Protein backbone atom coordinates (compact mmCIF):
# COMPACT_ATOMS: atom_id res chain seq x y z
CA MET A 1 111.25 -105.28 -78.94
CA THR A 2 107.89 -103.51 -78.85
CA ASN A 3 104.55 -104.96 -77.86
CA ARG A 4 103.38 -104.50 -81.46
CA TYR A 5 105.84 -107.24 -82.38
CA TRP A 6 103.85 -109.63 -80.22
CA GLN A 7 100.37 -108.92 -81.56
CA ASN A 8 98.16 -112.01 -81.67
CA ASN A 9 97.84 -112.23 -85.45
CA ALA A 10 101.01 -113.38 -87.15
CA GLU A 11 100.04 -111.48 -90.29
CA SER A 12 100.02 -108.19 -88.38
CA GLN A 13 103.46 -108.71 -86.81
CA PRO A 14 106.43 -106.96 -88.37
CA ALA A 15 108.80 -109.32 -90.11
CA ASP A 16 111.85 -110.51 -88.21
CA GLU A 17 115.05 -108.61 -88.76
CA PRO A 18 116.62 -109.53 -92.11
CA GLY A 19 118.88 -112.52 -91.68
CA ASP A 20 117.56 -113.29 -88.17
CA ARG A 21 116.36 -116.88 -88.46
CA TYR A 22 115.69 -116.97 -84.72
CA GLY A 23 113.30 -114.04 -84.49
CA ALA A 24 110.19 -114.60 -82.39
CA ARG A 25 107.88 -114.68 -85.41
CA SER A 26 109.98 -117.30 -87.18
CA LEU A 27 110.32 -119.38 -84.04
CA THR A 28 106.59 -119.22 -83.36
CA ALA A 29 105.90 -120.48 -86.87
CA ALA A 30 108.42 -123.30 -86.35
CA TRP A 31 106.84 -124.17 -83.01
CA LEU A 32 103.40 -124.43 -84.62
CA ARG A 33 104.71 -126.57 -87.47
CA GLY A 34 106.10 -128.97 -84.89
CA GLN A 35 102.67 -129.82 -83.42
CA ASN A 36 101.12 -133.20 -84.16
CA SER A 37 98.08 -132.16 -86.19
CA ASP A 38 96.35 -129.28 -87.93
CA ALA A 39 93.73 -129.25 -85.18
CA THR A 40 96.41 -128.86 -82.50
CA ARG A 41 98.15 -126.14 -84.50
CA ARG A 42 94.90 -124.17 -84.84
CA ALA A 43 94.05 -124.57 -81.16
CA TYR A 44 97.55 -123.58 -80.00
CA TYR A 45 97.55 -120.60 -82.35
CA ARG A 46 94.29 -119.36 -80.81
CA ASP A 47 95.53 -120.06 -77.28
CA LEU A 48 98.76 -118.17 -77.85
CA ALA A 49 96.78 -115.33 -79.44
CA ALA A 50 94.71 -115.06 -76.25
CA TRP A 51 97.86 -114.73 -74.12
CA LEU A 52 99.49 -112.20 -76.45
CA ASP A 53 96.26 -110.21 -76.54
CA TYR A 54 96.33 -110.08 -72.72
CA CYS A 55 99.95 -108.91 -72.88
CA ALA A 56 99.05 -106.17 -75.35
CA ARG A 57 96.07 -105.01 -73.25
CA THR A 58 98.19 -104.84 -70.09
CA SER A 59 101.30 -103.33 -71.77
CA LEU A 60 103.32 -106.40 -70.84
CA ASP A 61 106.30 -107.61 -72.84
CA PRO A 62 105.84 -111.43 -72.94
CA ARG A 63 109.60 -111.90 -72.56
CA THR A 64 109.49 -110.33 -69.10
CA ALA A 65 106.26 -111.97 -67.88
CA ARG A 66 106.26 -113.55 -64.43
CA ARG A 67 104.07 -116.14 -62.77
CA ALA A 68 101.84 -113.42 -61.32
CA ASP A 69 101.03 -112.22 -64.84
CA VAL A 70 100.01 -115.70 -65.97
CA ASP A 71 97.98 -116.17 -62.78
CA ASP A 72 96.12 -112.94 -63.52
CA TRP A 73 95.50 -113.99 -67.13
CA SER A 74 94.27 -117.41 -66.03
CA ALA A 75 91.85 -115.87 -63.54
CA SER A 76 90.50 -113.41 -66.12
CA MET A 77 90.11 -115.82 -69.05
CA THR A 78 86.84 -115.76 -70.97
CA VAL A 79 85.38 -117.48 -74.01
CA SER A 80 82.70 -116.26 -76.39
CA VAL A 81 80.05 -118.80 -77.36
CA GLY A 82 77.01 -117.82 -79.37
CA GLY A 83 77.64 -114.15 -78.63
CA ALA A 84 77.76 -114.70 -74.86
CA VAL A 85 80.96 -114.21 -72.87
CA ARG A 86 81.62 -116.58 -69.99
CA PRO A 87 84.51 -118.20 -68.09
CA PRO A 88 86.14 -121.10 -69.96
CA SER A 89 85.78 -124.74 -69.00
CA ALA A 90 88.53 -126.41 -66.99
CA ALA A 91 89.63 -128.23 -70.15
CA THR A 92 89.95 -124.97 -72.12
CA ARG A 93 91.87 -123.30 -69.30
CA ALA A 94 94.24 -126.27 -69.04
CA ARG A 95 94.82 -126.36 -72.80
CA ARG A 96 95.56 -122.63 -72.99
CA LEU A 97 98.10 -122.86 -70.21
CA ALA A 98 99.67 -125.94 -71.78
CA ALA A 99 99.95 -124.18 -75.16
CA VAL A 100 101.58 -121.08 -73.73
CA SER A 101 103.93 -123.20 -71.62
CA SER A 102 104.94 -125.15 -74.72
CA TRP A 103 105.62 -121.90 -76.58
CA TYR A 104 107.84 -120.53 -73.80
CA THR A 105 109.73 -123.81 -73.58
CA TYR A 106 110.40 -123.59 -77.31
CA LEU A 107 111.59 -119.99 -77.05
CA GLN A 108 113.82 -120.94 -74.12
CA SER A 109 115.36 -123.78 -76.07
CA ASN A 110 116.29 -121.26 -78.75
CA ASP A 111 117.71 -118.73 -76.25
CA VAL A 112 115.02 -116.15 -76.95
CA ALA A 113 113.26 -116.25 -73.54
CA ASP A 114 114.96 -116.41 -70.14
CA ARG A 115 112.12 -118.08 -68.23
CA ASN A 116 108.85 -119.94 -68.57
CA PRO A 117 106.41 -118.02 -66.35
CA THR A 118 103.78 -120.77 -66.57
CA LEU A 119 105.77 -123.50 -64.81
CA LEU A 120 104.40 -123.02 -61.29
CA VAL A 121 100.96 -121.76 -62.28
CA LYS A 122 98.18 -123.94 -60.86
CA ARG A 123 96.37 -125.83 -63.60
CA PRO A 124 93.02 -127.63 -63.49
CA SER A 125 93.34 -131.22 -62.29
CA THR A 126 92.27 -134.23 -64.33
CA ALA A 127 89.27 -134.60 -62.02
CA GLU A 128 88.28 -130.96 -62.56
CA ILE A 129 88.55 -131.37 -66.32
CA ALA A 130 86.45 -134.54 -66.24
CA ALA A 131 83.86 -132.88 -63.99
CA SER A 132 83.73 -129.88 -66.33
CA ALA A 133 83.08 -132.15 -69.31
CA ARG A 134 80.28 -133.91 -67.46
CA LYS A 135 78.51 -130.58 -66.91
CA ALA A 136 77.47 -130.49 -70.55
CA PRO A 137 73.65 -130.59 -70.54
CA THR A 138 72.09 -133.94 -71.44
CA LEU A 139 68.90 -134.22 -73.46
CA SER A 140 66.04 -136.55 -72.62
CA VAL A 141 64.87 -139.08 -75.20
CA PRO A 142 61.88 -136.90 -76.26
CA GLU A 143 64.15 -133.84 -76.52
CA THR A 144 66.68 -135.76 -78.62
CA ALA A 145 63.96 -137.00 -80.96
CA ARG A 146 62.51 -133.48 -81.28
CA LEU A 147 65.94 -132.05 -82.12
CA LEU A 148 66.60 -134.69 -84.79
CA ASP A 149 63.13 -134.23 -86.29
CA THR A 150 63.44 -130.43 -86.30
CA ALA A 151 66.79 -130.46 -88.10
CA GLU A 152 65.70 -132.99 -90.72
CA ALA A 153 62.30 -131.38 -91.32
CA ARG A 154 63.95 -128.01 -91.87
CA ALA A 155 66.42 -129.58 -94.30
CA ALA A 156 63.64 -131.30 -96.25
CA ASP A 157 61.67 -128.05 -96.39
CA ARG A 158 64.55 -125.82 -97.50
CA GLY A 159 66.54 -128.31 -99.52
CA THR A 160 69.77 -126.29 -99.17
CA GLU A 161 73.24 -127.62 -98.64
CA THR A 162 73.51 -125.72 -95.36
CA ALA A 163 70.27 -127.14 -93.98
CA TRP A 164 71.16 -130.74 -94.90
CA ARG A 165 74.67 -130.31 -93.53
CA ASP A 166 73.28 -129.04 -90.23
CA ALA A 167 70.92 -132.03 -90.07
CA ALA A 168 73.88 -134.34 -90.70
CA VAL A 169 75.83 -132.65 -87.89
CA ILE A 170 72.96 -133.20 -85.46
CA GLY A 171 72.70 -136.82 -86.56
CA LEU A 172 76.40 -137.46 -86.06
CA LEU A 173 76.26 -135.90 -82.61
CA PHE A 174 73.24 -137.82 -81.36
CA TYR A 175 73.62 -141.20 -83.09
CA THR A 176 77.32 -142.05 -82.76
CA ALA A 177 78.73 -140.79 -79.40
CA LEU A 178 81.74 -139.56 -81.37
CA ARG A 179 83.88 -136.76 -80.02
CA VAL A 180 83.41 -133.68 -82.14
CA SER A 181 87.01 -133.79 -83.40
CA ALA A 182 86.42 -137.30 -84.78
CA PHE A 183 83.96 -136.13 -87.42
CA THR A 184 85.20 -132.57 -87.99
CA GLN A 185 88.58 -134.09 -88.91
CA ALA A 186 87.01 -136.89 -90.97
CA ASP A 187 87.26 -136.91 -94.76
CA LEU A 188 84.85 -138.24 -97.39
CA ALA A 189 87.28 -141.11 -97.90
CA ASP A 190 86.64 -142.17 -94.29
CA LEU A 191 83.11 -143.27 -95.23
CA ASP A 192 83.41 -146.98 -95.91
CA ILE A 193 81.80 -150.43 -95.87
CA GLU A 194 82.96 -152.97 -93.29
CA ALA A 195 81.46 -156.46 -92.99
CA GLY A 196 78.40 -155.24 -94.89
CA TYR A 197 77.83 -152.23 -92.63
CA ARG A 198 78.32 -148.59 -93.47
CA VAL A 199 80.95 -147.10 -91.20
CA LEU A 200 82.89 -143.92 -90.57
CA ARG A 201 86.56 -144.38 -89.85
CA HIS A 202 87.94 -141.78 -87.48
CA ARG A 203 90.98 -140.81 -85.46
CA VAL A 204 91.10 -141.92 -81.85
CA LYS A 205 92.02 -139.38 -79.18
CA GLY A 206 95.28 -140.18 -77.41
CA LYS A 207 96.37 -142.87 -79.88
CA GLY A 208 98.81 -140.75 -81.88
CA PRO A 209 98.70 -139.80 -85.59
CA GLY A 210 97.94 -143.37 -86.68
CA GLY A 211 95.29 -144.18 -84.06
CA ARG A 212 92.09 -145.14 -85.91
CA ASP A 213 88.74 -146.73 -85.14
CA LEU A 214 85.35 -146.99 -86.83
CA VAL A 215 81.72 -146.45 -85.88
CA ARG A 216 78.68 -148.00 -87.54
CA LEU A 217 76.25 -145.66 -89.30
CA ASP A 218 72.65 -146.86 -89.27
CA GLY A 219 69.74 -145.96 -91.51
CA GLU A 220 68.41 -142.83 -89.83
CA LEU A 221 71.79 -141.14 -89.94
CA CYS A 222 72.72 -142.50 -93.39
CA ARG A 223 69.54 -141.04 -94.89
CA VAL A 224 70.43 -137.52 -93.76
CA LEU A 225 74.13 -137.84 -94.55
CA ASP A 226 73.41 -139.14 -98.06
CA ALA A 227 70.97 -136.29 -98.70
CA TYR A 228 73.60 -133.76 -97.61
CA LEU A 229 76.28 -135.22 -99.87
CA ALA A 230 73.86 -135.41 -102.82
CA VAL A 231 72.90 -131.73 -102.50
CA ARG A 232 76.54 -130.76 -102.02
CA ALA A 233 77.55 -132.70 -105.16
CA ARG A 234 75.18 -130.67 -107.34
CA ARG A 235 77.40 -127.60 -107.27
CA HIS A 236 80.33 -129.49 -108.83
CA PRO A 237 80.55 -129.93 -112.63
CA ASP A 238 80.88 -133.72 -112.54
CA GLY A 239 78.05 -134.15 -110.04
CA SER A 240 80.18 -135.60 -107.28
CA CYS A 241 81.87 -134.26 -104.16
CA PRO A 242 85.61 -133.79 -104.64
CA PRO A 243 87.94 -135.48 -102.13
CA GLY A 244 88.30 -133.58 -98.90
CA PRO A 245 86.56 -132.96 -95.59
CA LEU A 246 83.35 -134.78 -94.75
CA LEU A 247 81.67 -131.62 -93.43
CA VAL A 248 82.38 -128.24 -95.00
CA THR A 249 81.20 -124.66 -95.00
CA ALA A 250 78.63 -123.91 -97.71
CA PRO A 251 79.01 -121.19 -100.35
CA HIS A 252 77.69 -117.81 -99.32
CA PRO A 253 74.50 -117.17 -101.30
CA HIS A 254 75.40 -113.55 -102.11
CA ASP A 255 79.19 -113.31 -101.77
CA PRO A 256 81.31 -115.03 -104.46
CA ALA A 257 84.39 -114.34 -102.34
CA LYS A 258 83.13 -116.99 -99.89
CA PRO A 259 82.88 -120.17 -101.97
CA GLY A 260 82.75 -122.48 -98.97
CA GLY A 261 84.48 -125.84 -98.84
CA LYS A 262 86.40 -125.21 -95.62
CA ARG A 263 86.44 -127.89 -92.94
CA LEU A 264 83.98 -127.26 -90.10
CA THR A 265 85.47 -126.37 -86.72
CA GLN A 266 84.25 -127.25 -83.23
CA ARG A 267 82.90 -123.71 -82.92
CA ASP A 268 80.90 -124.21 -86.13
CA VAL A 269 79.40 -127.41 -84.72
CA THR A 270 78.54 -125.69 -81.43
CA ASN A 271 76.76 -122.88 -83.25
CA ILE A 272 74.85 -125.33 -85.47
CA LEU A 273 73.76 -127.37 -82.44
CA ARG A 274 72.54 -124.35 -80.50
CA ARG A 275 70.65 -122.88 -83.45
CA GLN A 276 68.88 -126.17 -84.14
CA ALA A 277 68.12 -126.71 -80.44
CA GLU A 278 66.65 -123.22 -80.23
CA ARG A 279 64.43 -123.95 -83.24
CA ALA A 280 63.34 -127.15 -81.50
CA GLY A 281 62.39 -125.13 -78.42
CA LEU A 282 64.77 -126.92 -76.07
CA PRO A 283 65.22 -125.07 -72.73
CA ALA A 284 68.96 -125.82 -72.57
CA ALA A 285 69.65 -124.68 -76.15
CA HIS A 286 72.06 -121.88 -75.24
CA ARG A 287 74.10 -124.16 -72.95
CA LEU A 288 74.52 -127.16 -75.23
CA SER A 289 77.95 -128.14 -76.51
CA PRO A 290 79.09 -130.91 -78.88
CA HIS A 291 79.91 -132.98 -75.79
CA SER A 292 76.19 -132.88 -74.98
CA GLY A 293 75.64 -135.23 -77.91
CA ARG A 294 78.17 -137.76 -76.66
CA ARG A 295 76.87 -137.48 -73.13
CA THR A 296 73.26 -137.85 -74.25
CA VAL A 297 73.99 -141.00 -76.28
CA ILE A 298 75.83 -142.70 -73.43
CA THR A 299 73.25 -141.69 -70.83
CA THR A 300 70.34 -142.78 -73.02
CA LEU A 301 71.83 -146.21 -73.69
CA LEU A 302 72.70 -146.85 -70.04
CA GLY A 303 69.28 -145.65 -68.96
CA ASN A 304 67.59 -148.12 -71.29
CA ASP A 305 69.38 -151.22 -70.06
CA VAL A 306 71.94 -151.50 -72.85
CA PRO A 307 74.84 -153.51 -71.33
CA LEU A 308 77.65 -151.38 -69.98
CA ALA A 309 80.27 -153.26 -72.02
CA LYS A 310 78.52 -152.38 -75.30
CA VAL A 311 78.20 -148.72 -74.36
CA GLN A 312 81.82 -148.63 -73.22
CA ASP A 313 82.92 -150.02 -76.59
CA LEU A 314 80.87 -147.42 -78.50
CA ALA A 315 82.28 -144.60 -76.37
CA GLY A 316 85.84 -145.89 -76.75
CA HIS A 317 86.52 -145.80 -73.02
CA ALA A 318 89.37 -147.92 -71.67
CA ASP A 319 87.80 -148.06 -68.21
CA PRO A 320 84.12 -148.91 -67.67
CA ARG A 321 84.07 -146.54 -64.71
CA THR A 322 84.54 -143.68 -67.16
CA THR A 323 81.45 -144.80 -69.07
CA ARG A 324 79.46 -145.25 -65.89
CA GLY A 325 80.44 -141.71 -64.88
CA TYR A 326 78.30 -140.37 -67.75
CA ASP A 327 75.13 -141.94 -66.34
CA ASP A 328 72.82 -139.13 -65.34
CA THR A 329 71.35 -138.93 -61.85
CA ASN A 330 67.79 -139.49 -63.06
CA HIS A 331 68.74 -142.81 -64.62
CA LYS A 332 70.74 -143.84 -61.57
CA LEU A 333 67.74 -143.11 -59.39
CA ALA A 334 65.31 -144.89 -61.71
CA ALA A 335 67.51 -148.00 -61.70
CA SER A 336 68.25 -147.87 -57.97
CA PRO A 337 67.79 -151.22 -56.14
CA VAL A 338 66.43 -149.40 -53.07
CA THR A 339 62.85 -150.25 -54.10
CA ASP A 340 63.84 -153.91 -54.47
CA LEU A 341 65.29 -153.84 -50.96
CA THR A 342 62.10 -152.34 -49.58
CA ARG A 343 60.06 -155.09 -51.24
CA ILE A 344 62.35 -157.83 -49.91
CA LEU A 345 62.15 -156.58 -46.34
CA ALA A 346 58.46 -155.73 -46.44
CA GLY A 347 57.33 -159.30 -45.89
CA HIS A 348 59.41 -159.62 -42.76
CA ARG A 349 58.61 -156.33 -41.05
CA ALA A 350 55.80 -155.61 -38.65
CA THR A 351 52.96 -153.60 -40.11
CA ARG A 352 53.05 -150.05 -38.74
CA PRO A 353 50.37 -147.37 -39.02
CA PRO A 354 51.23 -144.23 -41.00
CA PRO A 355 52.76 -141.38 -38.97
CA GLY A 356 50.07 -139.25 -37.26
CA THR A 357 47.51 -142.05 -37.07
CA PRO A 358 45.79 -141.86 -33.63
CA ALA A 359 46.58 -144.79 -31.35
CA THR A 360 43.73 -147.14 -30.48
CA ASP A 361 43.22 -149.07 -27.26
């Protein structure tokens, strides 16, 4: 089997031999179909593509790969964000290795591969993944307000579907503490009314296909979201948005072959966030990620004396220590009881002259 057979795009791979239902291409398609969700299938497809691209570049037949090959791939991994190439986060590295391991296990179970070269490869620990997530830059309250104002002002000025959608994305990121997958996977039907409040129902990470929760949408966010949906509805004959994703790509203004309507991806959200942050003049614009929104919301609430239990509930954390771990250093220092301790002891300590004061007889 040649390396061309293992190219990273399934469409470019030669078809399996006629009558061979267990060819690598067919098995790979079956493996992808067996994943739990469309999001997982897309992520695993990209992760496998990265490994097969490495194999093609190094003239390596994936069937004969050893641990040393996977170690080398892991050490040389990169991601491209906003045109810049950098090493991946611990979470991305762990997911790529998990995807490729799953693929080899599937091939092994169908007697197509003799070994799984990823089994003994060192993977990022849970602590490393958590620490990597916490590195996402956090915005201050003035920066958050400036970003929200910039996105909405631009939308009001331009009046386009793209501009209002981008403003809605920024609002969802910095008003809800939702994980990016929660609203990129949401549908229009997930907008609802519960106990008199407008809510967005969303999937909950780690709770399986049926795991659902809801988050309240308040006025500032609803105003932008409603404006986006109203502008989007204008391009449909009946004046309403057809059922489907909550957030979608907009039609290309000059290319009829790109009618839009596709569900936004995490990469789309990252690009939207960084463009809007750059327009707002934020110093960390090029380093922001969708997790920055979640981190900013949690940090802002904790830093303004919102009870931990309420913030934990909004974030959907099972353990309050996870929520507390998002609290930025500046807020921890500002709320430190050290000053209180100094005040308590001050009345009981002897008064001492400042260092360097000359002694007097």
